Amino acid sequence: MISQDVAQTSGIPSAPALTTADWAAFSLAVMGGLNWALIGAFSFDPIAVLLGDHSMSARIAYLIFGLASLYALYTATKLVQPL
């Protein structure tokens, strides 16, 4: 891993630091993706098993995963360095 000092002296621009909210959003997006992978591959929905099929708590969990994915997309656009 390149330290910031080395990156700055070599002309490589450093990426902005990720906040706790950024890491939480990426983690939730990955968990949501794994949930969909299990649904697609094995017809197994861990959220429905843990929170109940079509329950309000399951709907809230899916909403949180979706919002986290949107926030992760927004954060990813901040990380892209212009050419």
PDB file of N, CA and C in Angstrom:
ATOM      1  N   MET A   1       0.842  -1.170   0.000  1.00  0.00           N
ATOM      2  CA  MET A   1       0.000   0.000   0.000  1.00  0.00           C
ATOM      3  C   MET A   1       0.888   1.233   0.000  1.00  0.00           C
ATOM      4  N   ILE A   2       0.566   2.207  -0.818  1.00  0.00           N
ATOM      5  CA  ILE A   2       1.361   3.417  -0.948  1.00  0.00           C
ATOM      6  C   ILE A   2       0.916   4.415   0.114  1.00  0.00           C
ATOM      7  N   SER A   3       1.874   4.943   0.872  1.00  0.00           N
ATOM      8  CA  SER A   3       1.518   5.948   1.863  1.00  0.00           C
ATOM      9  C   SER A   3       1.175   7.255   1.157  1.00  0.00           C
ATOM     10  N   GLN A   4       0.478   8.156   1.870  1.00  0.00           N
ATOM     11  CA  GLN A   4       0.067   9.412   1.252  1.00  0.00           C
ATOM     12  C   GLN A   4       1.272  10.254   0.870  1.00  0.00           C
ATOM     13  N   ASP A   5       2.337  10.256   1.693  1.00  0.00           N
ATOM     14  CA  ASP A   5       3.515  11.059   1.382  1.00  0.00           C
ATOM     15  C   ASP A   5       4.163  10.602   0.081  1.00  0.00           C
ATOM     16  N   VAL A   6       4.308   9.297  -0.082  1.00  0.00           N
ATOM     17  CA  VAL A   6       4.911   8.761  -1.300  1.00  0.00           C
ATOM     18  C   VAL A   6       4.016   9.045  -2.493  1.00  0.00           C
ATOM     19  N   ALA A   7       2.700   8.901  -2.315  1.00  0.00           N
ATOM     20  CA  ALA A   7       1.772   9.146  -3.410  1.00  0.00           C
ATOM     21  C   ALA A   7       1.827  10.600  -3.849  1.00  0.00           C
ATOM     22  N   GLN A   8       1.952  11.524  -2.899  1.00  0.00           N
ATOM     23  CA  GLN A   8       1.986  12.933  -3.258  1.00  0.00           C
ATOM     24  C   GLN A   8       3.295  13.300  -3.955  1.00  0.00           C
ATOM     25  N   THR A   9       4.403  12.717  -3.548  1.00  0.00           N
ATOM     26  CA  THR A   9       5.672  13.053  -4.174  1.00  0.00           C
ATOM     27  C   THR A   9       5.833  12.395  -5.534  1.00  0.00           C
ATOM     28  N   SER A  10       5.120  11.301  -5.770  1.00  0.00           N
ATOM     29  CA  SER A  10       5.246  10.622  -7.056  1.00  0.00           C
ATOM     30  C   SER A  10       4.261  11.142  -8.092  1.00  0.00           C
ATOM     31  N   GLY A  11       3.427  12.096  -7.724  1.00  0.00           N
ATOM     32  CA  GLY A  11       2.471  12.656  -8.670  1.00  0.00           C
ATOM     33  C   GLY A  11       1.159  11.911  -8.735  1.00  0.00           C
ATOM     34  N   ILE A  12       0.987  10.863  -7.930  1.00  0.00           N
ATOM     35  CA  ILE A  12      -0.267  10.114  -7.901  1.00  0.00           C
ATOM     36  C   ILE A  12      -1.206  10.834  -6.942  1.00  0.00           C
ATOM     37  N   PRO A  13      -2.363  11.306  -7.417  1.00  0.00           N
ATOM     38  CA  PRO A  13      -3.270  11.998  -6.499  1.00  0.00           C
ATOM     39  C   PRO A  13      -3.856  11.020  -5.488  1.00  0.00           C
ATOM     40  N   SER A  14      -3.982  11.464  -4.247  1.00  0.00           N
ATOM     41  CA  SER A  14      -4.538  10.589  -3.220  1.00  0.00           C
ATOM     42  C   SER A  14      -6.062  10.662  -3.263  1.00  0.00           C
ATOM     43  N   ALA A  15      -6.690   9.541  -2.983  1.00  0.00           N
ATOM     44  CA  ALA A  15      -8.148   9.465  -2.964  1.00  0.00           C
ATOM     45  C   ALA A  15      -8.658  10.036  -1.649  1.00  0.00           C
ATOM     46  N   PRO A  16      -9.864  10.579  -1.648  1.00  0.00           N
ATOM     47  CA  PRO A  16     -10.417  11.091  -0.393  1.00  0.00           C
ATOM     48  C   PRO A  16     -10.638   9.950   0.600  1.00  0.00           C
ATOM     49  N   ALA A  17     -10.487  10.261   1.873  1.00  0.00           N
ATOM     50  CA  ALA A  17     -10.675   9.249   2.911  1.00  0.00           C
ATOM     51  C   ALA A  17     -12.152   8.886   3.015  1.00  0.00           C
ATOM     52  N   LEU A  18     -12.417   7.621   3.296  1.00  0.00           N
ATOM     53  CA  LEU A  18     -13.788   7.160   3.457  1.00  0.00           C
ATOM     54  C   LEU A  18     -14.238   7.370   4.904  1.00  0.00           C
ATOM     55  N   THR A  19     -15.457   7.833   5.076  1.00  0.00           N
ATOM     56  CA  THR A  19     -16.008   8.050   6.405  1.00  0.00           C
ATOM     57  C   THR A  19     -16.649   6.759   6.910  1.00  0.00           C
ATOM     58  N   THR A  20     -17.067   6.789   8.158  1.00  0.00           N
ATOM     59  CA  THR A  20     -17.764   5.639   8.738  1.00  0.00           C
ATOM     60  C   THR A  20     -19.057   5.359   7.974  1.00  0.00           C
ATOM     61  N   ALA A  21     -19.752   6.419   7.586  1.00  0.00           N
ATOM     62  CA  ALA A  21     -20.990   6.239   6.816  1.00  0.00           C
ATOM     63  C   ALA A  21     -20.706   5.576   5.470  1.00  0.00           C
ATOM     64  N   ASP A  22     -19.581   5.942   4.838  1.00  0.00           N
ATOM     65  CA  ASP A  22     -19.206   5.326   3.562  1.00  0.00           C
ATOM     66  C   ASP A  22     -18.975   3.825   3.745  1.00  0.00           C
ATOM     67  N   TRP A  23     -18.210   3.470   4.768  1.00  0.00           N
ATOM     68  CA  TRP A  23     -17.930   2.050   5.021  1.00  0.00           C
ATOM     69  C   TRP A  23     -19.201   1.283   5.374  1.00  0.00           C
ATOM     70  N   ALA A  24     -20.072   1.896   6.161  1.00  0.00           N
ATOM     71  CA  ALA A  24     -21.337   1.243   6.512  1.00  0.00           C
ATOM     72  C   ALA A  24     -22.183   1.009   5.264  1.00  0.00           C
ATOM     73  N   ALA A  25     -22.235   2.007   4.382  1.00  0.00           N
ATOM     74  CA  ALA A  25     -23.020   1.868   3.156  1.00  0.00           C
ATOM     75  C   ALA A  25     -22.460   0.768   2.266  1.00  0.00           C
ATOM     76  N   PHE A  26     -21.134   0.726   2.125  1.00  0.00           N
ATOM     77  CA  PHE A  26     -20.536  -0.328   1.309  1.00  0.00           C
ATOM     78  C   PHE A  26     -20.788  -1.700   1.920  1.00  0.00           C
ATOM     79  N   SER A  27     -20.690  -1.808   3.241  1.00  0.00           N
ATOM     80  CA  SER A  27     -20.940  -3.092   3.910  1.00  0.00           C
ATOM     81  C   SER A  27     -22.381  -3.546   3.713  1.00  0.00           C
ATOM     82  N   LEU A  28     -23.333  -2.625   3.879  1.00  0.00           N
ATOM     83  CA  LEU A  28     -24.740  -2.974   3.682  1.00  0.00           C
ATOM     84  C   LEU A  28     -25.029  -3.322   2.229  1.00  0.00           C
ATOM     85  N   ALA A  29     -24.385  -2.633   1.295  1.00  0.00           N
ATOM     86  CA  ALA A  29     -24.576  -2.945  -0.125  1.00  0.00           C
ATOM     87  C   ALA A  29     -24.059  -4.345  -0.445  1.00  0.00           C
ATOM     88  N   VAL A  30     -22.938  -4.707   0.143  1.00  0.00           N
ATOM     89  CA  VAL A  30     -22.395  -6.063  -0.073  1.00  0.00           C
ATOM     90  C   VAL A  30     -23.331  -7.098   0.538  1.00  0.00           C
ATOM     91  N   MET A  31     -23.831  -6.841   1.748  1.00  0.00           N
ATOM     92  CA  MET A  31     -24.769  -7.780   2.367  1.00  0.00           C
ATOM     93  C   MET A  31     -26.033  -7.929   1.537  1.00  0.00           C
ATOM     94  N   GLY A  32     -26.533  -6.826   0.995  1.00  0.00           N
ATOM     95  CA  GLY A  32     -27.703  -6.899   0.129  1.00  0.00           C
ATOM     96  C   GLY A  32     -27.420  -7.685  -1.143  1.00  0.00           C
ATOM     97  N   GLY A  33     -26.234  -7.489  -1.693  1.00  0.00           N
ATOM     98  CA  GLY A  33     -25.851  -8.248  -2.886  1.00  0.00           C
ATOM     99  C   GLY A  33     -25.736  -9.739  -2.609  1.00  0.00           C
ATOM    100  N   LEU A  34     -25.158 -10.073  -1.460  1.00  0.00           N
ATOM    101  CA  LEU A  34     -25.067 -11.493  -1.087  1.00  0.00           C
ATOM    102  C   LEU A  34     -26.453 -12.084  -0.850  1.00  0.00           C
ATOM    103  N   ASN A  35     -27.348 -11.302  -0.273  1.00  0.00           N
ATOM    104  CA  ASN A  35     -28.724 -11.761  -0.086  1.00  0.00           C
ATOM    105  C   ASN A  35     -29.363 -12.098  -1.428  1.00  0.00           C
ATOM    106  N   TRP A  36     -29.192 -11.203  -2.414  1.00  0.00           N
ATOM    107  CA  TRP A  36     -29.763 -11.465  -3.739  1.00  0.00           C
ATOM    108  C   TRP A  36     -29.079 -12.642  -4.432  1.00  0.00           C
ATOM    109  N   ALA A  37     -27.786 -12.826  -4.172  1.00  0.00           N
ATOM    110  CA  ALA A  37     -27.090 -13.987  -4.738  1.00  0.00           C
ATOM    111  C   ALA A  37     -27.673 -15.283  -4.181  1.00  0.00           C
ATOM    112  N   LEU A  38     -27.956 -15.295  -2.882  1.00  0.00           N
ATOM    113  CA  LEU A  38     -28.561 -16.496  -2.286  1.00  0.00           C
ATOM    114  C   LEU A  38     -29.970 -16.727  -2.817  1.00  0.00           C
ATOM    115  N   ILE A  39     -30.710 -15.657  -3.033  1.00  0.00           N
ATOM    116  CA  ILE A  39     -32.060 -15.808  -3.601  1.00  0.00           C
ATOM    117  C   ILE A  39     -31.967 -16.374  -5.016  1.00  0.00           C
ATOM    118  N   GLY A  40     -31.069 -15.824  -5.825  1.00  0.00           N
ATOM    119  CA  GLY A  40     -30.946 -16.281  -7.208  1.00  0.00           C
ATOM    120  C   GLY A  40     -30.398 -17.686  -7.342  1.00  0.00           C
ATOM    121  N   ALA A  41     -29.422 -18.029  -6.516  1.00  0.00           N
ATOM    122  CA  ALA A  41     -28.772 -19.335  -6.658  1.00  0.00           C
ATOM    123  C   ALA A  41     -29.534 -20.462  -5.979  1.00  0.00           C
ATOM    124  N   PHE A  42     -30.116 -20.175  -4.815  1.00  0.00           N
ATOM    125  CA  PHE A  42     -30.703 -21.257  -4.026  1.00  0.00           C
ATOM    126  C   PHE A  42     -32.159 -21.026  -3.624  1.00  0.00           C
ATOM    127  N   SER A  43     -32.772 -19.950  -4.088  1.00  0.00           N
ATOM    128  CA  SER A  43     -34.133 -19.580  -3.679  1.00  0.00           C
ATOM    129  C   SER A  43     -34.245 -19.503  -2.160  1.00  0.00           C
ATOM    130  N   PHE A  44     -33.185 -19.005  -1.529  1.00  0.00           N
ATOM    131  CA  PHE A  44     -33.146 -18.861  -0.078  1.00  0.00           C
ATOM    132  C   PHE A  44     -32.991 -17.385   0.260  1.00  0.00           C
ATOM    133  N   ASP A  45     -33.930 -16.847   1.023  1.00  0.00           N
ATOM    134  CA  ASP A  45     -33.915 -15.433   1.397  1.00  0.00           C
ATOM    135  C   ASP A  45     -33.656 -15.314   2.902  1.00  0.00           C
ATOM    136  N   PRO A  46     -32.412 -15.009   3.290  1.00  0.00           N
ATOM    137  CA  PRO A  46     -32.095 -14.923   4.718  1.00  0.00           C
ATOM    138  C   PRO A  46     -32.883 -13.827   5.448  1.00  0.00           C
ATOM    139  N   ILE A  47     -33.179 -12.736   4.780  1.00  0.00           N
ATOM    140  CA  ILE A  47     -33.943 -11.658   5.420  1.00  0.00           C
ATOM    141  C   ILE A  47     -35.354 -12.142   5.755  1.00  0.00           C
ATOM    142  N   ALA A  48     -35.975 -12.849   4.829  1.00  0.00           N
ATOM    143  CA  ALA A  48     -37.321 -13.378   5.080  1.00  0.00           C
ATOM    144  C   ALA A  48     -37.297 -14.417   6.192  1.00  0.00           C
ATOM    145  N   VAL A  49     -36.233 -15.206   6.251  1.00  0.00           N
ATOM    146  CA  VAL A  49     -36.125 -16.213   7.306  1.00  0.00           C
ATOM    147  C   VAL A  49     -35.960 -15.538   8.671  1.00  0.00           C
ATOM    148  N   LEU A  50     -35.108 -14.505   8.727  1.00  0.00           N
ATOM    149  CA  LEU A  50     -34.834 -13.843  10.006  1.00  0.00           C
ATOM    150  C   LEU A  50     -35.963 -12.909  10.447  1.00  0.00           C
ATOM    151  N   LEU A  51     -36.572 -12.196   9.518  1.00  0.00           N
ATOM    152  CA  LEU A  51     -37.531 -11.149   9.877  1.00  0.00           C
ATOM    153  C   LEU A  51     -38.968 -11.451   9.497  1.00  0.00           C
ATOM    154  N   GLY A  52     -39.184 -12.517   8.767  1.00  0.00           N
ATOM    155  CA  GLY A  52     -40.542 -12.869   8.357  1.00  0.00           C
ATOM    156  C   GLY A  52     -40.789 -12.484   6.911  1.00  0.00           C
ATOM    157  N   ASP A  53     -41.515 -13.348   6.223  1.00  0.00           N
ATOM    158  CA  ASP A  53     -41.797 -13.120   4.809  1.00  0.00           C
ATOM    159  C   ASP A  53     -42.801 -11.973   4.658  1.00  0.00           C
ATOM    160  N   HIS A  54     -42.433 -10.938   3.921  1.00  0.00           N
ATOM    161  CA  HIS A  54     -43.274  -9.767   3.643  1.00  0.00           C
ATOM    162  C   HIS A  54     -43.687  -9.010   4.906  1.00  0.00           C
ATOM    163  N   SER A  55     -42.889  -9.125   5.977  1.00  0.00           N
ATOM    164  CA  SER A  55     -43.201  -8.376   7.195  1.00  0.00           C
ATOM    165  C   SER A  55     -42.705  -6.940   7.051  1.00  0.00           C
ATOM    166  N   MET A  56     -43.177  -6.066   7.919  1.00  0.00           N
ATOM    167  CA  MET A  56     -42.756  -4.667   7.885  1.00  0.00           C
ATOM    168  C   MET A  56     -41.259  -4.554   8.167  1.00  0.00           C
ATOM    169  N   SER A  57     -40.751  -5.358   9.087  1.00  0.00           N
ATOM    170  CA  SER A  57     -39.319  -5.296   9.401  1.00  0.00           C
ATOM    171  C   SER A  57     -38.463  -5.762   8.220  1.00  0.00           C
ATOM    172  N   ALA A  58     -38.933  -6.749   7.478  1.00  0.00           N
ATOM    173  CA  ALA A  58     -38.202  -7.194   6.288  1.00  0.00           C
ATOM    174  C   ALA A  58     -38.221  -6.101   5.225  1.00  0.00           C
ATOM    175  N   ARG A  59     -39.349  -5.419   5.075  1.00  0.00           N
ATOM    176  CA  ARG A  59     -39.440  -4.328   4.095  1.00  0.00           C
ATOM    177  C   ARG A  59     -38.505  -3.183   4.474  1.00  0.00           C
ATOM    178  N   ILE A  60     -38.402  -2.901   5.771  1.00  0.00           N
ATOM    179  CA  ILE A  60     -37.484  -1.857   6.237  1.00  0.00           C
ATOM    180  C   ILE A  60     -36.040  -2.263   5.968  1.00  0.00           C
ATOM    181  N   ALA A  61     -35.727  -3.536   6.202  1.00  0.00           N
ATOM    182  CA  ALA A  61     -34.368  -4.026   5.930  1.00  0.00           C
ATOM    183  C   ALA A  61     -34.034  -3.876   4.447  1.00  0.00           C
ATOM    184  N   TYR A  62     -34.956  -4.248   3.567  1.00  0.00           N
ATOM    185  CA  TYR A  62     -34.715  -4.100   2.129  1.00  0.00           C
ATOM    186  C   TYR A  62     -34.563  -2.628   1.753  1.00  0.00           C
ATOM    187  N   LEU A  63     -35.339  -1.755   2.379  1.00  0.00           N
ATOM    188  CA  LEU A  63     -35.224  -0.328   2.129  1.00  0.00           C
ATOM    189  C   LEU A  63     -33.847   0.192   2.557  1.00  0.00           C
ATOM    190  N   ILE A  64     -33.379  -0.252   3.703  1.00  0.00           N
ATOM    191  CA  ILE A  64     -32.048   0.160   4.186  1.00  0.00           C
ATOM    192  C   ILE A  64     -30.963  -0.325   3.232  1.00  0.00           C
ATOM    193  N   PHE A  65     -31.071  -1.577   2.768  1.00  0.00           N
ATOM    194  CA  PHE A  65     -30.088  -2.092   1.808  1.00  0.00           C
ATOM    195  C   PHE A  65     -30.111  -1.272   0.519  1.00  0.00           C
ATOM    196  N   GLY A  66     -31.293  -0.938   0.044  1.00  0.00           N
ATOM    197  CA  GLY A  66     -31.405  -0.153  -1.186  1.00  0.00           C
ATOM    198  C   GLY A  66     -30.841   1.246  -1.031  1.00  0.00           C
ATOM    199  N   LEU A  67     -31.160   1.918   0.068  1.00  0.00           N
ATOM    200  CA  LEU A  67     -30.627   3.262   0.305  1.00  0.00           C
ATOM    201  C   LEU A  67     -29.109   3.232   0.477  1.00  0.00           C
ATOM    202  N   ALA A  68     -28.615   2.198   1.143  1.00  0.00           N
ATOM    203  CA  ALA A  68     -27.166   2.061   1.303  1.00  0.00           C
ATOM    204  C   ALA A  68     -26.496   1.864  -0.049  1.00  0.00           C
ATOM    205  N   SER A  69     -27.133   1.126  -0.944  1.00  0.00           N
ATOM    206  CA  SER A  69     -26.568   0.924  -2.282  1.00  0.00           C
ATOM    207  C   SER A  69     -26.522   2.232  -3.066  1.00  0.00           C
ATOM    208  N   LEU A  70     -27.565   3.038  -2.946  1.00  0.00           N
ATOM    209  CA  LEU A  70     -27.565   4.339  -3.616  1.00  0.00           C
ATOM    210  C   LEU A  70     -26.475   5.247  -3.049  1.00  0.00           C
ATOM    211  N   TYR A  71     -26.314   5.237  -1.734  1.00  0.00           N
ATOM    212  CA  TYR A  71     -25.275   6.047  -1.112  1.00  0.00           C
ATOM    213  C   TYR A  71     -23.889   5.547  -1.516  1.00  0.00           C
ATOM    214  N   ALA A  72     -23.725   4.227  -1.618  1.00  0.00           N
ATOM    215  CA  ALA A  72     -22.442   3.663  -2.047  1.00  0.00           C
ATOM    216  C   ALA A  72     -22.124   4.074  -3.479  1.00  0.00           C
ATOM    217  N   LEU A  73     -23.134   4.117  -4.341  1.00  0.00           N
ATOM    218  CA  LEU A  73     -22.928   4.600  -5.707  1.00  0.00           C
ATOM    219  C   LEU A  73     -22.474   6.057  -5.705  1.00  0.00           C
ATOM    220  N   TYR A  74     -23.116   6.877  -4.892  1.00  0.00           N
ATOM    221  CA  TYR A  74     -22.734   8.281  -4.774  1.00  0.00           C
ATOM    222  C   TYR A  74     -21.295   8.402  -4.281  1.00  0.00           C
ATOM    223  N   THR A  75     -20.927   7.619  -3.268  1.00  0.00           N
ATOM    224  CA  THR A  75     -19.572   7.658  -2.733  1.00  0.00           C
ATOM    225  C   THR A  75     -18.557   7.207  -3.777  1.00  0.00           C
ATOM    226  N   ALA A  76     -18.917   6.208  -4.562  1.00  0.00           N
ATOM    227  CA  ALA A  76     -18.010   5.718  -5.596  1.00  0.00           C
ATOM    228  C   ALA A  76     -17.721   6.809  -6.633  1.00  0.00           C
ATOM    229  N   THR A  77     -18.721   7.630  -6.916  1.00  0.00           N
ATOM    230  CA  THR A  77     -18.483   8.720  -7.880  1.00  0.00           C
ATOM    231  C   THR A  77     -17.536   9.761  -7.296  1.00  0.00           C
ATOM    232  N   LYS A  78     -17.505   9.925  -5.971  1.00  0.00           N
ATOM    233  CA  LYS A  78     -16.560  10.851  -5.342  1.00  0.00           C
ATOM    234  C   LYS A  78     -15.131  10.317  -5.402  1.00  0.00           C
ATOM    235  N   LEU A  79     -14.987   9.009  -5.466  1.00  0.00           N
ATOM    236  CA  LEU A  79     -13.658   8.391  -5.461  1.00  0.00           C
ATOM    237  C   LEU A  79     -12.993   8.421  -6.828  1.00  0.00           C
ATOM    238  N   VAL A  80     -13.772   8.580  -7.881  1.00  0.00           N
ATOM    239  CA  VAL A  80     -13.229   8.580  -9.241  1.00  0.00           C
ATOM    240  C   VAL A  80     -12.424   9.848  -9.450  1.00  0.00           C
ATOM    241  N   GLN A  81     -11.189   9.699  -9.888  1.00  0.00           N
ATOM    242  CA  GLN A  81     -10.318  10.834 -10.153  1.00  0.00           C
ATOM    243  C   GLN A  81     -10.505  11.260 -11.601  1.00  0.00           C
ATOM    244  N   PRO A  82     -10.716  12.564 -11.854  1.00  0.00           N
ATOM    245  CA  PRO A  82     -10.827  13.011 -13.245  1.00  0.00           C
ATOM    246  C   PRO A  82      -9.508  12.857 -13.979  1.00  0.00           C
ATOM    247  N   LEU A  83      -9.582  12.588 -15.264  1.00  0.00           N
ATOM    248  CA  LEU A  83      -8.362  12.398 -16.060  1.00  0.00           C
ATOM    249  C   LEU A  83      -7.708  13.698 -16.411  1.00  0.00           C
TER     250      LEU A  83
END
